[in-house]
Amino acid sequence: MNNRICAAQRIKEQRIAKGYTIEYLAELAEIAPRTLSYIENAENDMKISTLKRICDALNVSLNYVLTEEDDYKEEIFYLLNKMDKPKQEMAARILRAMIENE
């Protein structure tokens, strides 16, 4: 599968999982709804800057959207970097508890 189709599928999956409409995600990403629709249907190429805005609006990394592999380490790192210090500490405690309870 090529990157454009992979990105299109991942963007649509994330949008639906978050309960966002095309219009709402387009507004968050500051792009036209028609542009987002074309991207989700892999009907045209996308600029990396547009893709970055969509990823930021969905709170996912570019790597997650552009690859077929699920790289959870990178995704966790990306999300942690978007959090303030108290939330990072809470996330660390949760992860430690999950490991200890295996």
N, C-alpha and C. Protein backbone atom coordinates (compact mmCIF):
# COMPACT_ATOMS: atom_id res chain seq x y z
N MET A 1 0.86 -1.18 0.00
CA MET A 1 0.00 0.00 0.00
C MET A 1 0.90 1.23 0.00
N ASN A 2 0.57 2.23 -0.82
CA ASN A 2 1.42 3.41 -0.86
C ASN A 2 1.08 4.36 0.29
N ASN A 3 1.98 5.30 0.54
CA ASN A 3 1.82 6.22 1.67
C ASN A 3 0.54 7.05 1.60
N ARG A 4 0.14 7.45 0.41
CA ARG A 4 -1.06 8.28 0.28
C ARG A 4 -2.30 7.51 0.72
N ILE A 5 -2.41 6.25 0.31
CA ILE A 5 -3.57 5.44 0.69
C ILE A 5 -3.53 5.12 2.18
N CYS A 6 -2.33 4.80 2.68
CA CYS A 6 -2.17 4.53 4.11
C CYS A 6 -2.57 5.75 4.93
N ALA A 7 -2.09 6.92 4.54
CA ALA A 7 -2.41 8.15 5.25
C ALA A 7 -3.90 8.43 5.19
N ALA A 8 -4.49 8.23 4.04
CA ALA A 8 -5.93 8.48 3.88
C ALA A 8 -6.73 7.60 4.83
N GLN A 9 -6.39 6.32 4.89
CA GLN A 9 -7.11 5.39 5.77
C GLN A 9 -6.92 5.75 7.24
N ARG A 10 -5.69 6.05 7.61
CA ARG A 10 -5.41 6.36 9.02
C ARG A 10 -6.12 7.65 9.45
N ILE A 11 -6.12 8.65 8.60
CA ILE A 11 -6.78 9.91 8.93
C ILE A 11 -8.28 9.67 9.13
N LYS A 12 -8.88 8.96 8.19
CA LYS A 12 -10.31 8.70 8.29
C LYS A 12 -10.64 7.87 9.53
N GLU A 13 -9.83 6.84 9.81
CA GLU A 13 -10.05 6.00 10.99
C GLU A 13 -9.98 6.84 12.27
N GLN A 14 -8.98 7.70 12.36
CA GLN A 14 -8.82 8.52 13.56
C GLN A 14 -9.95 9.54 13.69
N ARG A 15 -10.35 10.12 12.58
CA ARG A 15 -11.45 11.09 12.61
C ARG A 15 -12.73 10.44 13.11
N ILE A 16 -13.04 9.28 12.58
CA ILE A 16 -14.26 8.57 12.99
C ILE A 16 -14.16 8.11 14.44
N ALA A 17 -12.99 7.60 14.83
CA ALA A 17 -12.80 7.13 16.21
C ALA A 17 -13.00 8.26 17.22
N LYS A 18 -12.65 9.47 16.83
CA LYS A 18 -12.80 10.62 17.72
C LYS A 18 -14.19 11.25 17.62
N GLY A 19 -15.00 10.75 16.70
CA GLY A 19 -16.35 11.27 16.53
C GLY A 19 -16.39 12.62 15.82
N TYR A 20 -15.35 12.93 15.06
CA TYR A 20 -15.30 14.20 14.35
C TYR A 20 -15.97 14.07 12.98
N THR A 21 -16.66 15.10 12.57
CA THR A 21 -17.15 15.17 11.19
C THR A 21 -16.01 15.70 10.32
N ILE A 22 -16.17 15.54 9.03
CA ILE A 22 -15.17 16.11 8.11
C ILE A 22 -15.09 17.61 8.32
N GLU A 23 -16.24 18.24 8.49
CA GLU A 23 -16.27 19.70 8.66
C GLU A 23 -15.54 20.13 9.92
N TYR A 24 -15.75 19.38 11.02
CA TYR A 24 -15.12 19.75 12.29
C TYR A 24 -13.61 19.56 12.23
N LEU A 25 -13.15 18.43 11.70
CA LEU A 25 -11.70 18.22 11.59
C LEU A 25 -11.07 19.24 10.66
N ALA A 26 -11.75 19.54 9.57
CA ALA A 26 -11.22 20.55 8.63
C ALA A 26 -11.08 21.89 9.33
N GLU A 27 -12.06 22.23 10.15
CA GLU A 27 -11.99 23.49 10.89
C GLU A 27 -10.80 23.48 11.85
N LEU A 28 -10.63 22.37 12.58
CA LEU A 28 -9.49 22.27 13.51
C LEU A 28 -8.15 22.38 12.79
N ALA A 29 -8.08 21.76 11.62
CA ALA A 29 -6.83 21.74 10.85
C ALA A 29 -6.67 22.98 9.96
N GLU A 30 -7.68 23.83 9.95
CA GLU A 30 -7.66 25.05 9.15
C GLU A 30 -7.47 24.77 7.66
N ILE A 31 -8.26 23.80 7.18
CA ILE A 31 -8.28 23.49 5.75
C ILE A 31 -9.75 23.41 5.31
N ALA A 32 -9.96 23.40 4.02
CA ALA A 32 -11.33 23.30 3.49
C ALA A 32 -11.84 21.86 3.66
N PRO A 33 -13.12 21.70 4.00
CA PRO A 33 -13.69 20.35 4.11
C PRO A 33 -13.50 19.53 2.83
N ARG A 34 -13.62 20.18 1.68
CA ARG A 34 -13.43 19.47 0.41
C ARG A 34 -12.00 18.91 0.32
N THR A 35 -11.02 19.69 0.78
CA THR A 35 -9.62 19.23 0.77
C THR A 35 -9.48 17.99 1.63
N LEU A 36 -10.06 18.02 2.82
CA LEU A 36 -9.98 16.86 3.71
C LEU A 36 -10.67 15.65 3.09
N SER A 37 -11.80 15.85 2.47
CA SER A 37 -12.50 14.76 1.81
C SER A 37 -11.64 14.13 0.72
N TYR A 38 -10.99 14.97 -0.09
CA TYR A 38 -10.08 14.45 -1.13
C TYR A 38 -8.94 13.66 -0.51
N ILE A 39 -8.40 14.17 0.59
CA ILE A 39 -7.29 13.48 1.26
C ILE A 39 -7.75 12.13 1.80
N GLU A 40 -8.90 12.10 2.48
CA GLU A 40 -9.41 10.85 3.04
C GLU A 40 -9.73 9.81 1.97
N ASN A 41 -10.05 10.26 0.79
CA ASN A 41 -10.37 9.34 -0.31
C ASN A 41 -9.17 9.09 -1.22
N ALA A 42 -8.00 9.58 -0.78
CA ALA A 42 -6.74 9.41 -1.52
C ALA A 42 -6.88 9.88 -2.97
N GLU A 43 -7.64 10.95 -3.16
CA GLU A 43 -7.88 11.45 -4.51
C GLU A 43 -6.86 12.48 -4.97
N ASN A 44 -6.07 13.00 -4.04
CA ASN A 44 -5.02 13.92 -4.47
C ASN A 44 -3.86 13.87 -3.48
N ASP A 45 -2.72 14.34 -3.92
CA ASP A 45 -1.56 14.40 -3.04
C ASP A 45 -1.76 15.52 -2.04
N MET A 46 -1.09 15.38 -0.91
CA MET A 46 -1.23 16.39 0.12
C MET A 46 0.12 16.99 0.44
N LYS A 47 0.11 18.25 0.78
CA LYS A 47 1.34 18.90 1.23
C LYS A 47 1.65 18.41 2.63
N ILE A 48 2.91 18.32 2.94
CA ILE A 48 3.31 17.88 4.28
C ILE A 48 2.80 18.85 5.34
N SER A 49 2.73 20.13 5.01
CA SER A 49 2.23 21.11 5.98
C SER A 49 0.74 20.87 6.27
N THR A 50 -0.01 20.50 5.26
CA THR A 50 -1.43 20.18 5.46
C THR A 50 -1.57 18.92 6.29
N LEU A 51 -0.79 17.92 5.96
CA LEU A 51 -0.83 16.67 6.70
C LEU A 51 -0.46 16.90 8.17
N LYS A 52 0.52 17.74 8.42
CA LYS A 52 0.94 18.05 9.79
C LYS A 52 -0.21 18.71 10.56
N ARG A 53 -0.92 19.63 9.93
CA ARG A 53 -2.06 20.28 10.60
C ARG A 53 -3.15 19.27 10.93
N ILE A 54 -3.40 18.34 10.02
CA ILE A 54 -4.40 17.31 10.28
C ILE A 54 -3.96 16.41 11.43
N CYS A 55 -2.69 16.01 11.42
CA CYS A 55 -2.16 15.17 12.50
C CYS A 55 -2.24 15.88 13.84
N ASP A 56 -1.90 17.14 13.87
CA ASP A 56 -1.98 17.91 15.12
C ASP A 56 -3.43 17.98 15.61
N ALA A 57 -4.35 18.19 14.69
CA ALA A 57 -5.77 18.27 15.07
C ALA A 57 -6.29 16.92 15.60
N LEU A 58 -5.74 15.83 15.07
CA LEU A 58 -6.14 14.49 15.52
C LEU A 58 -5.31 14.00 16.71
N ASN A 59 -4.25 14.73 17.02
CA ASN A 59 -3.35 14.37 18.11
C ASN A 59 -2.63 13.05 17.84
N VAL A 60 -2.16 12.89 16.60
CA VAL A 60 -1.39 11.72 16.21
C VAL A 60 -0.12 12.18 15.50
N SER A 61 0.87 11.32 15.45
CA SER A 61 2.13 11.70 14.81
C SER A 61 2.07 11.49 13.30
N LEU A 62 2.95 12.19 12.61
CA LEU A 62 3.08 11.99 11.16
C LEU A 62 3.48 10.56 10.85
N ASN A 63 4.39 10.00 11.64
CA ASN A 63 4.83 8.64 11.40
C ASN A 63 3.66 7.66 11.47
N TYR A 64 2.79 7.84 12.44
CA TYR A 64 1.62 6.97 12.56
C TYR A 64 0.78 7.02 11.29
N VAL A 65 0.57 8.21 10.76
CA VAL A 65 -0.28 8.37 9.59
C VAL A 65 0.40 7.86 8.32
N LEU A 66 1.71 8.02 8.22
CA LEU A 66 2.40 7.69 6.97
C LEU A 66 2.90 6.26 6.85
N THR A 67 2.86 5.50 7.93
CA THR A 67 3.37 4.13 7.86
C THR A 67 2.26 3.14 8.16
N GLU A 68 2.43 1.94 7.65
CA GLU A 68 1.46 0.89 7.90
C GLU A 68 1.71 0.21 9.24
N GLU A 69 2.85 0.44 9.81
CA GLU A 69 3.20 -0.18 11.08
C GLU A 69 2.65 0.63 12.24
N ASP A 70 2.25 -0.04 13.27
CA ASP A 70 1.81 0.63 14.49
C ASP A 70 3.01 0.78 15.41
N ASP A 71 3.60 1.96 15.42
CA ASP A 71 4.75 2.23 16.27
C ASP A 71 4.26 2.94 17.52
N TYR A 72 3.83 2.14 18.48
CA TYR A 72 3.25 2.72 19.69
C TYR A 72 4.25 3.49 20.52
N LYS A 73 5.51 3.09 20.49
CA LYS A 73 6.52 3.83 21.25
C LYS A 73 6.60 5.27 20.77
N GLU A 74 6.65 5.45 19.47
CA GLU A 74 6.73 6.81 18.93
C GLU A 74 5.44 7.57 19.23
N GLU A 75 4.31 6.89 19.12
CA GLU A 75 3.02 7.55 19.38
C GLU A 75 2.93 8.00 20.84
N ILE A 76 3.38 7.14 21.75
CA ILE A 76 3.37 7.49 23.18
C ILE A 76 4.30 8.67 23.43
N PHE A 77 5.48 8.64 22.84
CA PHE A 77 6.43 9.73 22.99
C PHE A 77 5.84 11.04 22.46
N TYR A 78 5.20 10.97 21.32
CA TYR A 78 4.57 12.16 20.71
C TYR A 78 3.52 12.73 21.66
N LEU A 79 2.67 11.85 22.19
CA LEU A 79 1.60 12.32 23.08
C LEU A 79 2.16 12.88 24.38
N LEU A 80 3.17 12.23 24.94
CA LEU A 80 3.78 12.73 26.17
C LEU A 80 4.37 14.12 25.97
N ASN A 81 4.96 14.36 24.83
CA ASN A 81 5.56 15.67 24.56
C ASN A 81 4.51 16.77 24.45
N LYS A 82 3.28 16.42 24.19
CA LYS A 82 2.21 17.42 24.10
C LYS A 82 1.61 17.74 25.46
N MET A 83 1.98 16.96 26.49
CA MET A 83 1.42 17.15 27.83
C MET A 83 2.30 18.06 28.67
N ASP A 84 1.66 18.69 29.67
CA ASP A 84 2.44 19.44 30.64
C ASP A 84 3.05 18.47 31.65
N LYS A 85 3.96 18.95 32.47
CA LYS A 85 4.72 18.10 33.40
C LYS A 85 3.82 17.27 34.32
N PRO A 86 2.80 17.85 34.98
CA PRO A 86 1.96 17.03 35.85
C PRO A 86 1.27 15.86 35.12
N LYS A 87 0.84 16.10 33.89
CA LYS A 87 0.20 15.02 33.13
C LYS A 87 1.22 13.97 32.71
N GLN A 88 2.45 14.39 32.41
CA GLN A 88 3.51 13.43 32.09
C GLN A 88 3.80 12.53 33.29
N GLU A 89 3.84 13.13 34.47
CA GLU A 89 4.09 12.35 35.68
C GLU A 89 2.95 11.36 35.92
N MET A 90 1.72 11.78 35.70
CA MET A 90 0.58 10.89 35.86
C MET A 90 0.65 9.73 34.85
N ALA A 91 1.01 10.04 33.62
CA ALA A 91 1.14 9.00 32.60
C ALA A 91 2.22 8.01 32.98
N ALA A 92 3.32 8.49 33.53
CA ALA A 92 4.40 7.61 33.96
C ALA A 92 3.92 6.68 35.08
N ARG A 93 3.16 7.23 36.03
CA ARG A 93 2.62 6.39 37.11
C ARG A 93 1.68 5.32 36.57
N ILE A 94 0.86 5.69 35.62
CA ILE A 94 -0.08 4.73 35.02
C ILE A 94 0.67 3.62 34.30
N LEU A 95 1.69 3.99 33.52
CA LEU A 95 2.47 2.99 32.81
C LEU A 95 3.21 2.05 33.77
N ARG A 96 3.79 2.63 34.84
CA ARG A 96 4.45 1.79 35.85
C ARG A 96 3.47 0.80 36.47
N ALA A 97 2.27 1.28 36.81
CA ALA A 97 1.26 0.41 37.42
C ALA A 97 0.85 -0.71 36.45
N MET A 98 0.74 -0.38 35.19
CA MET A 98 0.38 -1.40 34.20
C MET A 98 1.45 -2.48 34.11
N ILE A 99 2.72 -2.08 34.15
CA ILE A 99 3.83 -3.03 34.08
C ILE A 99 3.88 -3.89 35.34
N GLU A 100 3.67 -3.27 36.48
CA GLU A 100 3.73 -4.00 37.75
C GLU A 100 2.60 -5.01 37.88
N ASN A 101 1.48 -4.77 37.22
CA ASN A 101 0.32 -5.64 37.33
C ASN A 101 0.24 -6.71 36.24
N GLU A 102 1.29 -6.87 35.47
CA GLU A 102 1.29 -7.89 34.40
C GLU A 102 1.36 -9.27 34.98
